[in-house]
């Protein structure tokens, strides 16, 4: 199971939009100049192909099996600063990231195809 952290600021922001029983879905997709981007969404239910990676108070976080190893060490935070307000995804295991910090690459992991599956 991936070890992730969600800051109190991020939890409060998620709580503004989540309904009771909702899940937060974290995925890693191909994109950005460094190769991969984190994505998050709130949904009403867990998909059969997903695993639960965090249950804490009213927060349940799920991920698909392809994204799971790429989420290890992820910290989700929220910032309301004027320049770049929004959720921030940081991971000390990132090998490289782009200049704006929106995409990343991890050592030892394959490049992802557009739908998130590893390229052959």
PDB file of N, CA and C in Angstrom:
ATOM      1  N   UNK A   1       0.844  -1.176   0.000  1.00  0.00           N
ATOM      2  CA  UNK A   1       0.000   0.000   0.000  1.00  0.00           C
ATOM      3  C   UNK A   1       0.889   1.238   0.000  1.00  0.00           C
ATOM      4  N   UNK A   2       0.532   2.252  -0.776  1.00  0.00           N
ATOM      5  CA  UNK A   2       1.312   3.484  -0.858  1.00  0.00           C
ATOM      6  C   UNK A   2       1.170   4.281   0.426  1.00  0.00           C
ATOM      7  N   UNK A   3       2.272   4.870   0.842  1.00  0.00           N
ATOM      8  CA  UNK A   3       2.263   5.739   2.000  1.00  0.00           C
ATOM      9  C   UNK A   3       2.151   7.172   1.502  1.00  0.00           C
ATOM     10  N   UNK A   4       1.019   7.816   1.794  1.00  0.00           N
ATOM     11  CA  UNK A   4       0.803   9.203   1.395  1.00  0.00           C
ATOM     12  C   UNK A   4       0.415  10.016   2.616  1.00  0.00           C
ATOM     13  N   UNK A   5       0.551  11.332   2.494  1.00  0.00           N
ATOM     14  CA  UNK A   5       0.127  12.250   3.550  1.00  0.00           C
ATOM     15  C   UNK A   5      -0.750  13.325   2.933  1.00  0.00           C
ATOM     16  N   UNK A   6      -1.758  13.732   3.683  1.00  0.00           N
ATOM     17  CA  UNK A   6      -2.623  14.815   3.240  1.00  0.00           C
ATOM     18  C   UNK A   6      -2.641  15.853   4.352  1.00  0.00           C
ATOM     19  N   UNK A   7      -2.249  17.079   4.021  1.00  0.00           N
ATOM     20  CA  UNK A   7      -2.157  18.136   5.026  1.00  0.00           C
ATOM     21  C   UNK A   7      -3.550  18.536   5.530  1.00  0.00           C
ATOM     22  N   UNK A   8      -3.573  19.190   6.675  1.00  0.00           N
ATOM     23  CA  UNK A   8      -4.841  19.679   7.223  1.00  0.00           C
ATOM     24  C   UNK A   8      -5.502  20.680   6.280  1.00  0.00           C
ATOM     25  N   UNK A   9      -4.696  21.530   5.633  1.00  0.00           N
ATOM     26  CA  UNK A   9      -5.266  22.505   4.681  1.00  0.00           C
ATOM     27  C   UNK A   9      -5.931  21.795   3.510  1.00  0.00           C
ATOM     28  N   UNK A  10      -5.288  20.740   3.013  1.00  0.00           N
ATOM     29  CA  UNK A  10      -5.874  19.985   1.899  1.00  0.00           C
ATOM     30  C   UNK A  10      -7.140  19.260   2.352  1.00  0.00           C
ATOM     31  N   UNK A  11      -7.124  18.701   3.550  1.00  0.00           N
ATOM     32  CA  UNK A  11      -8.307  18.015   4.082  1.00  0.00           C
ATOM     33  C   UNK A  11      -9.499  18.961   4.182  1.00  0.00           C
ATOM     34  N   UNK A  12      -9.255  20.157   4.672  1.00  0.00           N
ATOM     35  CA  UNK A  12     -10.339  21.142   4.804  1.00  0.00           C
ATOM     36  C   UNK A  12     -10.907  21.508   3.444  1.00  0.00           C
ATOM     37  N   UNK A  13     -10.041  21.648   2.448  1.00  0.00           N
ATOM     38  CA  UNK A  13     -10.502  21.995   1.108  1.00  0.00           C
ATOM     39  C   UNK A  13     -11.287  20.838   0.491  1.00  0.00           C
ATOM     40  N   UNK A  14     -10.819  19.611   0.682  1.00  0.00           N
ATOM     41  CA  UNK A  14     -11.535  18.438   0.178  1.00  0.00           C
ATOM     42  C   UNK A  14     -12.904  18.350   0.836  1.00  0.00           C
ATOM     43  N   UNK A  15     -12.977  18.597   2.140  1.00  0.00           N
ATOM     44  CA  UNK A  15     -14.241  18.517   2.883  1.00  0.00           C
ATOM     45  C   UNK A  15     -15.277  19.507   2.352  1.00  0.00           C
ATOM     46  N   UNK A  16     -14.840  20.615   1.759  1.00  0.00           N
ATOM     47  CA  UNK A  16     -15.776  21.592   1.193  1.00  0.00           C
ATOM     48  C   UNK A  16     -16.552  21.008   0.013  1.00  0.00           C
ATOM     49  N   UNK A  17     -15.972  20.049  -0.685  1.00  0.00           N
ATOM     50  CA  UNK A  17     -16.563  19.516  -1.910  1.00  0.00           C
ATOM     51  C   UNK A  17     -17.053  18.080  -1.802  1.00  0.00           C
ATOM     52  N   UNK A  18     -16.550  17.331  -0.842  1.00  0.00           N
ATOM     53  CA  UNK A  18     -16.890  15.909  -0.734  1.00  0.00           C
ATOM     54  C   UNK A  18     -18.215  15.718   0.005  1.00  0.00           C
ATOM     55  N   UNK A  19     -18.992  14.793  -0.461  1.00  0.00           N
ATOM     56  CA  UNK A  19     -20.228  14.384   0.202  1.00  0.00           C
ATOM     57  C   UNK A  19     -19.883  13.260   1.174  1.00  0.00           C
ATOM     58  N   UNK A  20     -20.692  13.019   2.188  1.00  0.00           N
ATOM     59  CA  UNK A  20     -20.432  11.866   3.060  1.00  0.00           C
ATOM     60  C   UNK A  20     -20.357  10.578   2.239  1.00  0.00           C
ATOM     61  N   UNK A  21     -19.347   9.774   2.489  1.00  0.00           N
ATOM     62  CA  UNK A  21     -19.164   8.523   1.761  1.00  0.00           C
ATOM     63  C   UNK A  21     -18.383   8.657   0.464  1.00  0.00           C
ATOM     64  N   UNK A  22     -17.995   9.866   0.098  1.00  0.00           N
ATOM     65  CA  UNK A  22     -17.214  10.076  -1.126  1.00  0.00           C
ATOM     66  C   UNK A  22     -15.798   9.538  -0.952  1.00  0.00           C
ATOM     67  N   UNK A  23     -15.132   9.342  -2.085  1.00  0.00           N
ATOM     68  CA  UNK A  23     -13.725   8.954  -2.077  1.00  0.00           C
ATOM     69  C   UNK A  23     -12.930   9.980  -2.878  1.00  0.00           C
ATOM     70  N   UNK A  24     -11.666  10.117  -2.509  1.00  0.00           N
ATOM     71  CA  UNK A  24     -10.737  10.928  -3.299  1.00  0.00           C
ATOM     72  C   UNK A  24      -9.913   9.949  -4.114  1.00  0.00           C
ATOM     73  N   UNK A  25      -9.946  10.122  -5.419  1.00  0.00           N
ATOM     74  CA  UNK A  25      -9.220   9.234  -6.327  1.00  0.00           C
ATOM     75  C   UNK A  25      -7.937   9.926  -6.755  1.00  0.00           C
ATOM     76  N   UNK A  26      -6.793   9.312  -6.470  1.00  0.00           N
ATOM     77  CA  UNK A  26      -5.497   9.811  -6.912  1.00  0.00           C
ATOM     78  C   UNK A  26      -4.991   8.929  -8.040  1.00  0.00           C
ATOM     79  N   UNK A  27      -4.549   9.557  -9.118  1.00  0.00           N
ATOM     80  CA  UNK A  27      -3.994   8.808 -10.238  1.00  0.00           C
ATOM     81  C   UNK A  27      -2.744   9.520 -10.749  1.00  0.00           C
ATOM     82  N   UNK A  28      -1.946   8.768 -11.477  1.00  0.00           N
ATOM     83  CA  UNK A  28      -0.788   9.321 -12.167  1.00  0.00           C
ATOM     84  C   UNK A  28      -1.050   9.104 -13.647  1.00  0.00           C
ATOM     85  N   UNK A  29      -0.914  10.189 -14.416  1.00  0.00           N
ATOM     86  CA  UNK A  29      -1.177  10.127 -15.849  1.00  0.00           C
ATOM     87  C   UNK A  29       0.049  10.624 -16.608  1.00  0.00           C
ATOM     88  N   UNK A  30       0.145  10.223 -17.864  1.00  0.00           N
ATOM     89  CA  UNK A  30       1.190  10.743 -18.735  1.00  0.00           C
ATOM     90  C   UNK A  30       0.902  12.205 -19.003  1.00  0.00           C
ATOM     91  N   UNK A  31       1.949  13.021 -19.001  1.00  0.00           N
ATOM     92  CA  UNK A  31       1.751  14.425 -19.318  1.00  0.00           C
ATOM     93  C   UNK A  31       2.842  15.304 -18.766  1.00  0.00           C
ATOM     94  N   UNK A  32       2.781  16.556 -19.130  1.00  0.00           N
ATOM     95  CA  UNK A  32       3.758  17.532 -18.664  1.00  0.00           C
ATOM     96  C   UNK A  32       5.114  17.308 -19.312  1.00  0.00           C
ATOM     97  N   UNK A  33       6.005  18.261 -19.119  1.00  0.00           N
ATOM     98  CA  UNK A  33       7.316  18.164 -19.764  1.00  0.00           C
ATOM     99  C   UNK A  33       8.243  17.164 -19.076  1.00  0.00           C
ATOM    100  N   UNK A  34       7.933  16.741 -17.842  1.00  0.00           N
ATOM    101  CA  UNK A  34       8.772  15.745 -17.164  1.00  0.00           C
ATOM    102  C   UNK A  34       8.245  14.325 -17.351  1.00  0.00           C
ATOM    103  N   UNK A  35       7.035  14.156 -17.900  1.00  0.00           N
ATOM    104  CA  UNK A  35       6.551  12.825 -18.249  1.00  0.00           C
ATOM    105  C   UNK A  35       5.313  12.344 -17.528  1.00  0.00           C
ATOM    106  N   UNK A  36       5.105  12.725 -16.251  1.00  0.00           N
ATOM    107  CA  UNK A  36       3.941  12.255 -15.496  1.00  0.00           C
ATOM    108  C   UNK A  36       3.359  13.393 -14.661  1.00  0.00           C
ATOM    109  N   UNK A  37       2.039  13.343 -14.440  1.00  0.00           N
ATOM    110  CA  UNK A  37       1.356  14.328 -13.601  1.00  0.00           C
ATOM    111  C   UNK A  37       0.432  13.607 -12.624  1.00  0.00           C
ATOM    112  N   UNK A  38       0.290  14.176 -11.432  1.00  0.00           N
ATOM    113  CA  UNK A  38      -0.675  13.668 -10.468  1.00  0.00           C
ATOM    114  C   UNK A  38      -2.033  14.259 -10.803  1.00  0.00           C
ATOM    115  N   UNK A  39      -3.075  13.489 -10.551  1.00  0.00           N
ATOM    116  CA  UNK A  39      -4.438  13.958 -10.767  1.00  0.00           C
ATOM    117  C   UNK A  39      -5.284  13.488  -9.597  1.00  0.00           C
ATOM    118  N   UNK A  40      -6.267  14.279  -9.224  1.00  0.00           N
ATOM    119  CA  UNK A  40      -7.156  13.923  -8.121  1.00  0.00           C
ATOM    120  C   UNK A  40      -8.578  14.318  -8.476  1.00  0.00           C
ATOM    121  N   UNK A  41      -9.513  13.514  -7.999  1.00  0.00           N
ATOM    122  CA  UNK A  41     -10.924  13.840  -8.179  1.00  0.00           C
ATOM    123  C   UNK A  41     -11.718  13.253  -7.022  1.00  0.00           C
ATOM    124  N   UNK A  42     -12.859  13.848  -6.769  1.00  0.00           N
ATOM    125  CA  UNK A  42     -13.775  13.338  -5.753  1.00  0.00           C
ATOM    126  C   UNK A  42     -14.873  12.589  -6.481  1.00  0.00           C
ATOM    127  N   UNK A  43     -15.186  11.388  -6.000  1.00  0.00           N
ATOM    128  CA  UNK A  43     -16.213  10.560  -6.629  1.00  0.00           C
ATOM    129  C   UNK A  43     -17.115   9.994  -5.534  1.00  0.00           C
ATOM    130  N   UNK A  44     -18.253   9.503  -5.939  1.00  0.00           N
ATOM    131  CA  UNK A  44     -19.210   8.967  -4.966  1.00  0.00           C
ATOM    132  C   UNK A  44     -18.911   7.543  -4.556  1.00  0.00           C
ATOM    133  N   UNK A  45     -18.083   6.840  -5.342  1.00  0.00           N
ATOM    134  CA  UNK A  45     -17.782   5.451  -4.981  1.00  0.00           C
ATOM    135  C   UNK A  45     -16.442   4.992  -5.524  1.00  0.00           C
ATOM    136  N   UNK A  46     -15.888   3.995  -4.871  1.00  0.00           N
ATOM    137  CA  UNK A  46     -14.647   3.343  -5.282  1.00  0.00           C
ATOM    138  C   UNK A  46     -14.952   2.405  -6.445  1.00  0.00           C
ATOM    139  N   UNK A  47     -14.073   2.369  -7.424  1.00  0.00           N
ATOM    140  CA  UNK A  47     -14.217   1.437  -8.537  1.00  0.00           C
ATOM    141  C   UNK A  47     -13.682   0.072  -8.115  1.00  0.00           C
ATOM    142  N   UNK A  48     -14.182  -0.975  -8.725  1.00  0.00           N
ATOM    143  CA  UNK A  48     -13.777  -2.333  -8.380  1.00  0.00           C
ATOM    144  C   UNK A  48     -12.278  -2.561  -8.573  1.00  0.00           C
ATOM    145  N   UNK A  49     -11.686  -1.893  -9.554  1.00  0.00           N
ATOM    146  CA  UNK A  49     -10.268  -2.075  -9.860  1.00  0.00           C
ATOM    147  C   UNK A  49      -9.331  -1.259  -8.960  1.00  0.00           C
ATOM    148  N   UNK A  50      -9.876  -0.493  -8.033  1.00  0.00           N
ATOM    149  CA  UNK A  50      -9.063   0.374  -7.188  1.00  0.00           C
ATOM    150  C   UNK A  50      -8.842  -0.223  -5.805  1.00  0.00           C
ATOM    151  N   UNK A  51      -7.788   0.265  -5.166  1.00  0.00           N
ATOM    152  CA  UNK A  51      -7.499  -0.137  -3.791  1.00  0.00           C
ATOM    153  C   UNK A  51      -7.569   1.099  -2.904  1.00  0.00           C
ATOM    154  N   UNK A  52      -7.944   0.887  -1.652  1.00  0.00           N
ATOM    155  CA  UNK A  52      -7.980   1.969  -0.685  1.00  0.00           C
ATOM    156  C   UNK A  52      -6.568   2.158  -0.152  1.00  0.00           C
ATOM    157  N   UNK A  53      -6.052   3.396  -0.221  1.00  0.00           N
ATOM    158  CA  UNK A  53      -4.688   3.644   0.252  1.00  0.00           C
ATOM    159  C   UNK A  53      -4.649   4.491   1.524  1.00  0.00           C
ATOM    160  N   UNK A  54      -5.774   5.093   1.894  1.00  0.00           N
ATOM    161  CA  UNK A  54      -5.825   5.878   3.121  1.00  0.00           C
ATOM    162  C   UNK A  54      -7.260   5.982   3.598  1.00  0.00           C
ATOM    163  N   UNK A  55      -7.483   5.686   4.861  1.00  0.00           N
ATOM    164  CA  UNK A  55      -8.774   5.922   5.506  1.00  0.00           C
ATOM    165  C   UNK A  55      -8.464   6.630   6.809  1.00  0.00           C
ATOM    166  N   UNK A  56      -8.993   7.833   6.950  1.00  0.00           N
ATOM    167  CA  UNK A  56      -8.691   8.640   8.126  1.00  0.00           C
ATOM    168  C   UNK A  56      -9.864   9.575   8.379  1.00  0.00           C
ATOM    169  N   UNK A  57     -10.504   9.434   9.511  1.00  0.00           N
ATOM    170  CA  UNK A  57     -11.692  10.231   9.835  1.00  0.00           C
ATOM    171  C   UNK A  57     -12.730  10.074   8.725  1.00  0.00           C
ATOM    172  N   UNK A  58     -13.069  11.159   8.066  1.00  0.00           N
ATOM    173  CA  UNK A  58     -14.082  11.133   7.005  1.00  0.00           C
ATOM    174  C   UNK A  58     -13.459  11.043   5.612  1.00  0.00           C
ATOM    175  N   UNK A  59     -12.148  10.824   5.538  1.00  0.00           N
ATOM    176  CA  UNK A  59     -11.446  10.850   4.266  1.00  0.00           C
ATOM    177  C   UNK A  59     -11.029   9.447   3.839  1.00  0.00           C
ATOM    178  N   UNK A  60     -11.448   9.044   2.627  1.00  0.00           N
ATOM    179  CA  UNK A  60     -11.019   7.780   2.039  1.00  0.00           C
ATOM    180  C   UNK A  60     -10.361   8.098   0.703  1.00  0.00           C
ATOM    181  N   UNK A  61      -9.128   7.614   0.525  1.00  0.00           N
ATOM    182  CA  UNK A  61      -8.374   7.868  -0.702  1.00  0.00           C
ATOM    183  C   UNK A  61      -8.159   6.535  -1.406  1.00  0.00           C
ATOM    184  N   UNK A  62      -8.418   6.509  -2.717  1.00  0.00           N
ATOM    185  CA  UNK A  62      -8.261   5.299  -3.519  1.00  0.00           C
ATOM    186  C   UNK A  62      -7.339   5.581  -4.695  1.00  0.00           C
ATOM    187  N   UNK A  63      -6.778   4.491  -5.251  1.00  0.00           N
ATOM    188  CA  UNK A  63      -5.916   4.602  -6.428  1.00  0.00           C
ATOM    189  C   UNK A  63      -5.995   3.321  -7.236  1.00  0.00           C
ATOM    190  N   UNK A  64      -5.716   3.432  -8.530  1.00  0.00           N
ATOM    191  CA  UNK A  64      -5.645   2.231  -9.365  1.00  0.00           C
ATOM    192  C   UNK A  64      -4.281   1.584  -9.164  1.00  0.00           C
ATOM    193  N   UNK A  65      -4.160   0.341  -9.571  1.00  0.00           N
ATOM    194  CA  UNK A  65      -2.934  -0.427  -9.317  1.00  0.00           C
ATOM    195  C   UNK A  65      -1.731   0.086 -10.111  1.00  0.00           C
ATOM    196  N   UNK A  66      -1.939   0.707 -11.273  1.00  0.00           N
ATOM    197  CA  UNK A  66      -0.830   1.262 -12.044  1.00  0.00           C
ATOM    198  C   UNK A  66      -0.247   2.481 -11.332  1.00  0.00           C
ATOM    199  N   UNK A  67      -1.111   3.327 -10.768  1.00  0.00           N
ATOM    200  CA  UNK A  67      -0.665   4.539 -10.087  1.00  0.00           C
ATOM    201  C   UNK A  67      -0.064   4.262  -8.718  1.00  0.00           C
ATOM    202  N   UNK A  68      -0.471   3.184  -8.099  1.00  0.00           N
ATOM    203  CA  UNK A  68      -0.116   2.903  -6.709  1.00  0.00           C
ATOM    204  C   UNK A  68       1.378   3.047  -6.395  1.00  0.00           C
ATOM    205  N   UNK A  69       2.297   2.396  -7.127  1.00  0.00           N
ATOM    206  CA  UNK A  69       3.711   2.548  -6.767  1.00  0.00           C
ATOM    207  C   UNK A  69       4.246   3.955  -7.006  1.00  0.00           C
ATOM    208  N   UNK A  70       3.615   4.711  -7.896  1.00  0.00           N
ATOM    209  CA  UNK A  70       4.047   6.072  -8.206  1.00  0.00           C
ATOM    210  C   UNK A  70       3.576   7.078  -7.157  1.00  0.00           C
ATOM    211  N   UNK A  71       2.663   6.672  -6.294  1.00  0.00           N
ATOM    212  CA  UNK A  71       2.139   7.550  -5.246  1.00  0.00           C
ATOM    213  C   UNK A  71       2.930   7.440  -3.945  1.00  0.00           C
ATOM    214  N   UNK A  72       3.797   6.441  -3.845  1.00  0.00           N
ATOM    215  CA  UNK A  72       4.577   6.224  -2.626  1.00  0.00           C
ATOM    216  C   UNK A  72       5.337   7.494  -2.249  1.00  0.00           C
ATOM    217  N   UNK A  73       5.116   7.999  -1.032  1.00  0.00           N
ATOM    218  CA  UNK A  73       5.796   9.192  -0.537  1.00  0.00           C
ATOM    219  C   UNK A  73       5.124  10.507  -0.891  1.00  0.00           C
ATOM    220  N   UNK A  74       3.965  10.455  -1.541  1.00  0.00           N
ATOM    221  CA  UNK A  74       3.268  11.667  -1.973  1.00  0.00           C
ATOM    222  C   UNK A  74       2.730  12.456  -0.778  1.00  0.00           C
ATOM    223  N   UNK A  75       2.879  13.778  -0.850  1.00  0.00           N
ATOM    224  CA  UNK A  75       2.286  14.691   0.121  1.00  0.00           C
ATOM    225  C   UNK A  75       1.345  15.610  -0.647  1.00  0.00           C
ATOM    226  N   UNK A  76       0.069  15.643  -0.235  1.00  0.00           N
ATOM    227  CA  UNK A  76      -0.928  16.512  -0.855  1.00  0.00           C
ATOM    228  C   UNK A  76      -1.150  17.682   0.084  1.00  0.00           C
ATOM    229  N   UNK A  77      -0.992  18.891  -0.436  1.00  0.00           N
ATOM    230  CA  UNK A  77      -1.184  20.106   0.354  1.00  0.00           C
ATOM    231  C   UNK A  77      -2.095  21.036  -0.432  1.00  0.00           C
ATOM    232  N   UNK A  78      -2.513  22.118   0.195  1.00  0.00           N
ATOM    233  CA  UNK A  78      -3.332  23.122  -0.469  1.00  0.00           C
ATOM    234  C   UNK A  78      -2.779  24.490  -0.131  1.00  0.00           C
ATOM    235  N   UNK A  79      -2.706  25.349  -1.131  1.00  0.00           N
ATOM    236  CA  UNK A  79      -2.232  26.705  -0.931  1.00  0.00           C
ATOM    237  C   UNK A  79      -3.250  27.677  -1.509  1.00  0.00           C
ATOM    238  N   UNK A  80      -3.460  28.771  -0.806  1.00  0.00           N
ATOM    239  CA  UNK A  80      -4.372  29.795  -1.320  1.00  0.00           C
ATOM    240  C   UNK A  80      -3.621  31.083  -1.664  1.00  0.00           C
ATOM    241  N   UNK A  81      -2.330  30.948  -2.013  1.00  0.00           N
ATOM    242  CA  UNK A  81      -1.573  32.144  -2.372  1.00  0.00           C
ATOM    243  C   UNK A  81      -2.063  32.702  -3.709  1.00  0.00           C
ATOM    244  N   UNK A  82      -1.734  33.939  -3.980  1.00  0.00           N
ATOM    245  CA  UNK A  82      -2.261  34.629  -5.161  1.00  0.00           C
ATOM    246  C   UNK A  82      -1.695  34.128  -6.476  1.00  0.00           C
ATOM    247  N   UNK A  83      -0.479  33.641  -6.471  1.00  0.00           N
ATOM    248  CA  UNK A  83       0.178  33.240  -7.716  1.00  0.00           C
ATOM    249  C   UNK A  83      -0.269  31.855  -8.177  1.00  0.00           C
ATOM    250  N   UNK A  84      -0.275  30.879  -7.275  1.00  0.00           N
ATOM    251  CA  UNK A  84      -0.585  29.502  -7.693  1.00  0.00           C
ATOM    252  C   UNK A  84      -1.458  28.800  -6.659  1.00  0.00           C
ATOM    253  N   UNK A  85      -2.647  29.316  -6.453  1.00  0.00           N
ATOM    254  CA  UNK A  85      -3.570  28.711  -5.503  1.00  0.00           C
ATOM    255  C   UNK A  85      -4.032  27.356  -6.014  1.00  0.00           C
ATOM    256  N   UNK A  86      -4.216  26.420  -5.090  1.00  0.00           N
ATOM    257  CA  UNK A  86      -4.726  25.107  -5.449  1.00  0.00           C
ATOM    258  C   UNK A  86      -4.003  24.001  -4.713  1.00  0.00           C
ATOM    259  N   UNK A  87      -4.320  22.780  -5.085  1.00  0.00           N
ATOM    260  CA  UNK A  87      -3.683  21.616  -4.474  1.00  0.00           C
ATOM    261  C   UNK A  87      -2.265  21.489  -4.997  1.00  0.00           C
ATOM    262  N   UNK A  88      -1.375  21.065  -4.117  1.00  0.00           N
ATOM    263  CA  UNK A  88       0.026  20.856  -4.479  1.00  0.00           C
ATOM    264  C   UNK A  88       0.405  19.425  -4.152  1.00  0.00           C
ATOM    265  N   UNK A  89       1.030  18.786  -5.100  1.00  0.00           N
ATOM    266  CA  UNK A  89       1.473  17.410  -4.952  1.00  0.00           C
ATOM    267  C   UNK A  89       2.997  17.410  -4.952  1.00  0.00           C
ATOM    268  N   UNK A  90       3.594  16.977  -3.848  1.00  0.00           N
ATOM    269  CA  UNK A  90       5.051  16.909  -3.786  1.00  0.00           C
ATOM    270  C   UNK A  90       5.453  15.505  -3.350  1.00  0.00           C
ATOM    271  N   UNK A  91       6.598  15.093  -3.844  1.00  0.00           N
ATOM    272  CA  UNK A  91       7.079  13.758  -3.527  1.00  0.00           C
ATOM    273  C   UNK A  91       8.600  13.791  -3.517  1.00  0.00           C
ATOM    274  N   UNK A  92       9.192  13.481  -2.385  1.00  0.00           N
ATOM    275  CA  UNK A  92      10.652  13.495  -2.273  1.00  0.00           C
ATOM    276  C   UNK A  92      11.306  12.418  -3.136  1.00  0.00           C
ATOM    277  N   UNK A  93      10.529  11.471  -3.631  1.00  0.00           N
ATOM    278  CA  UNK A  93      11.075  10.402  -4.470  1.00  0.00           C
ATOM    279  C   UNK A  93      11.129  10.791  -5.947  1.00  0.00           C
ATOM    280  N   UNK A  94      10.613  11.967  -6.290  1.00  0.00           N
ATOM    281  CA  UNK A  94      10.684  12.414  -7.682  1.00  0.00           C
ATOM    282  C   UNK A  94      12.135  12.583  -8.089  1.00  0.00           C
ATOM    283  N   UNK A  95      12.474  12.018  -9.236  1.00  0.00           N
ATOM    284  CA  UNK A  95      13.827  12.161  -9.763  1.00  0.00           C
ATOM    285  C   UNK A  95      14.000  13.538 -10.396  1.00  0.00           C
ATOM    286  N   UNK A  96      13.015  13.958 -11.176  1.00  0.00           N
ATOM    287  CA  UNK A  96      13.035  15.273 -11.820  1.00  0.00           C
ATOM    288  C   UNK A  96      11.629  15.837 -11.814  1.00  0.00           C
ATOM    289  N   UNK A  97      11.531  17.144 -11.972  1.00  0.00           N
ATOM    290  CA  UNK A  97      10.238  17.787 -12.162  1.00  0.00           C
ATOM    291  C   UNK A  97      10.429  18.943 -13.124  1.00  0.00           C
ATOM    292  N   UNK A  98       9.333  19.399 -13.708  1.00  0.00           N
ATOM    293  CA  UNK A  98       9.443  20.500 -14.656  1.00  0.00           C
ATOM    294  C   UNK A  98       9.577  21.815 -13.887  1.00  0.00           C
ATOM    295  N   UNK A  99       9.890  22.872 -14.589  1.00  0.00           N
ATOM    296  CA  UNK A  99      10.111  24.167 -13.965  1.00  0.00           C
ATOM    297  C   UNK A  99       8.920  24.691 -13.189  1.00  0.00           C
ATOM    298  N   UNK A 100       7.706  24.416 -13.664  1.00  0.00           N
ATOM    299  CA  UNK A 100       6.522  24.912 -12.962  1.00  0.00           C
ATOM    300  C   UNK A 100       6.092  23.968 -11.847  1.00  0.00           C
ATOM    301  N   UNK A 101       6.698  22.777 -11.777  1.00  0.00           N
ATOM    302  CA  UNK A 101       6.375  21.830 -10.716  1.00  0.00           C
ATOM    303  C   UNK A 101       5.127  21.013 -10.956  1.00  0.00           C
ATOM    304  N   UNK A 102       4.549  21.078 -12.152  1.00  0.00           N
ATOM    305  CA  UNK A 102       3.298  20.360 -12.426  1.00  0.00           C
ATOM    306  C   UNK A 102       3.515  18.908 -12.835  1.00  0.00           C
ATOM    307  N   UNK A 103       4.698  18.557 -13.331  1.00  0.00           N
ATOM    308  CA  UNK A 103       4.930  17.177 -13.742  1.00  0.00           C
ATOM    309  C   UNK A 103       6.233  16.676 -13.144  1.00  0.00           C
ATOM    310  N   UNK A 104       6.433  15.352 -13.199  1.00  0.00           N
ATOM    311  CA  UNK A 104       7.572  14.734 -12.529  1.00  0.00           C
ATOM    312  C   UNK A 104       7.977  13.464 -13.239  1.00  0.00           C
ATOM    313  N   UNK A 105       9.113  12.918 -12.839  1.00  0.00           N
ATOM    314  CA  UNK A 105       9.582  11.610 -13.290  1.00  0.00           C
ATOM    315  C   UNK A 105      10.208  10.918 -12.088  1.00  0.00           C
ATOM    316  N   UNK A 106      10.070   9.596 -12.023  1.00  0.00           N
ATOM    317  CA  UNK A 106      10.648   8.802 -10.950  1.00  0.00           C
ATOM    318  C   UNK A 106      11.682   7.852 -11.523  1.00  0.00           C
ATOM    319  N   UNK A 107      12.789   7.695 -10.834  1.00  0.00           N
ATOM    320  CA  UNK A 107      13.832   6.776 -11.276  1.00  0.00           C
ATOM    321  C   UNK A 107      13.314   5.343 -11.218  1.00  0.00           C
ATOM    322  N   UNK A 108      13.604   4.548 -12.233  1.00  0.00           N
ATOM    323  CA  UNK A 108      13.274   3.133 -12.230  1.00  0.00           C
ATOM    324  C   UNK A 108      11.857   2.799 -12.652  1.00  0.00           C
ATOM    325  N   UNK A 109      11.065   3.806 -13.050  1.00  0.00           N
ATOM    326  CA  UNK A 109       9.696   3.538 -13.482  1.00  0.00           C
ATOM    327  C   UNK A 109       9.582   3.788 -14.972  1.00  0.00           C
ATOM    328  N   UNK A 110       8.747   3.007 -15.660  1.00  0.00           N
ATOM    329  CA  UNK A 110       8.599   3.178 -17.105  1.00  0.00           C
ATOM    330  C   UNK A 110       7.849   4.463 -17.436  1.00  0.00           C
ATOM    331  N   UNK A 111       8.044   4.930 -18.662  1.00  0.00           N
ATOM    332  CA  UNK A 111       7.282   6.060 -19.152  1.00  0.00           C
ATOM    333  C   UNK A 111       5.830   5.609 -19.304  1.00  0.00           C
ATOM    334  N   UNK A 112       4.870   6.513 -19.053  1.00  0.00           N
ATOM    335  CA  UNK A 112       3.463   6.163 -19.150  1.00  0.00           C
ATOM    336  C   UNK A 112       2.895   6.557 -20.508  1.00  0.00           C
ATOM    337  N   UNK A 113       1.976   5.745 -21.012  1.00  0.00           N
ATOM    338  CA  UNK A 113       1.222   6.066 -22.215  1.00  0.00           C
ATOM    339  C   UNK A 113       0.131   7.071 -21.844  1.00  0.00           C
ATOM    340  N   UNK A 114      -0.573   7.586 -22.830  1.00  0.00           N
ATOM    341  CA  UNK A 114      -1.593   8.612 -22.596  1.00  0.00           C
ATOM    342  C   UNK A 114      -2.666   8.195 -21.594  1.00  0.00           C
ATOM    343  N   UNK A 115      -3.046   6.946 -21.562  1.00  0.00           N
ATOM    344  CA  UNK A 115      -4.117   6.485 -20.651  1.00  0.00           C
ATOM    345  C   UNK A 115      -3.587   6.072 -19.297  1.00  0.00           C
ATOM    346  N   UNK A 116      -2.293   6.226 -19.053  1.00  0.00           N
ATOM    347  CA  UNK A 116      -1.750   5.919 -17.743  1.00  0.00           C
ATOM    348  C   UNK A 116      -1.054   4.570 -17.643  1.00  0.00           C
ATOM    349  N   UNK A 117      -1.227   3.705 -18.621  1.00  0.00           N
ATOM    350  CA  UNK A 117      -0.573   2.392 -18.579  1.00  0.00           C
ATOM    351  C   UNK A 117       0.885   2.544 -19.002  1.00  0.00           C
ATOM    352  N   UNK A 118       1.790   1.742 -18.435  1.00  0.00           N
ATOM    353  CA  UNK A 118       3.200   1.817 -18.838  1.00  0.00           C
ATOM    354  C   UNK A 118       3.370   1.451 -20.311  1.00  0.00           C
ATOM    355  N   UNK A 119       4.297   2.143 -20.969  1.00  0.00           N
ATOM    356  CA  UNK A 119       4.617   1.796 -22.353  1.00  0.00           C
ATOM    357  C   UNK A 119       5.405   0.491 -22.364  1.00  0.00           C
ATOM    358  N   UNK A 120       5.261  -0.320 -23.420  1.00  0.00           N
ATOM    359  CA  UNK A 120       5.996  -1.583 -23.486  1.00  0.00           C
ATOM    360  C   UNK A 120       7.493  -1.373 -23.574  1.00  0.00           C
TER     361      UNK A 120
END
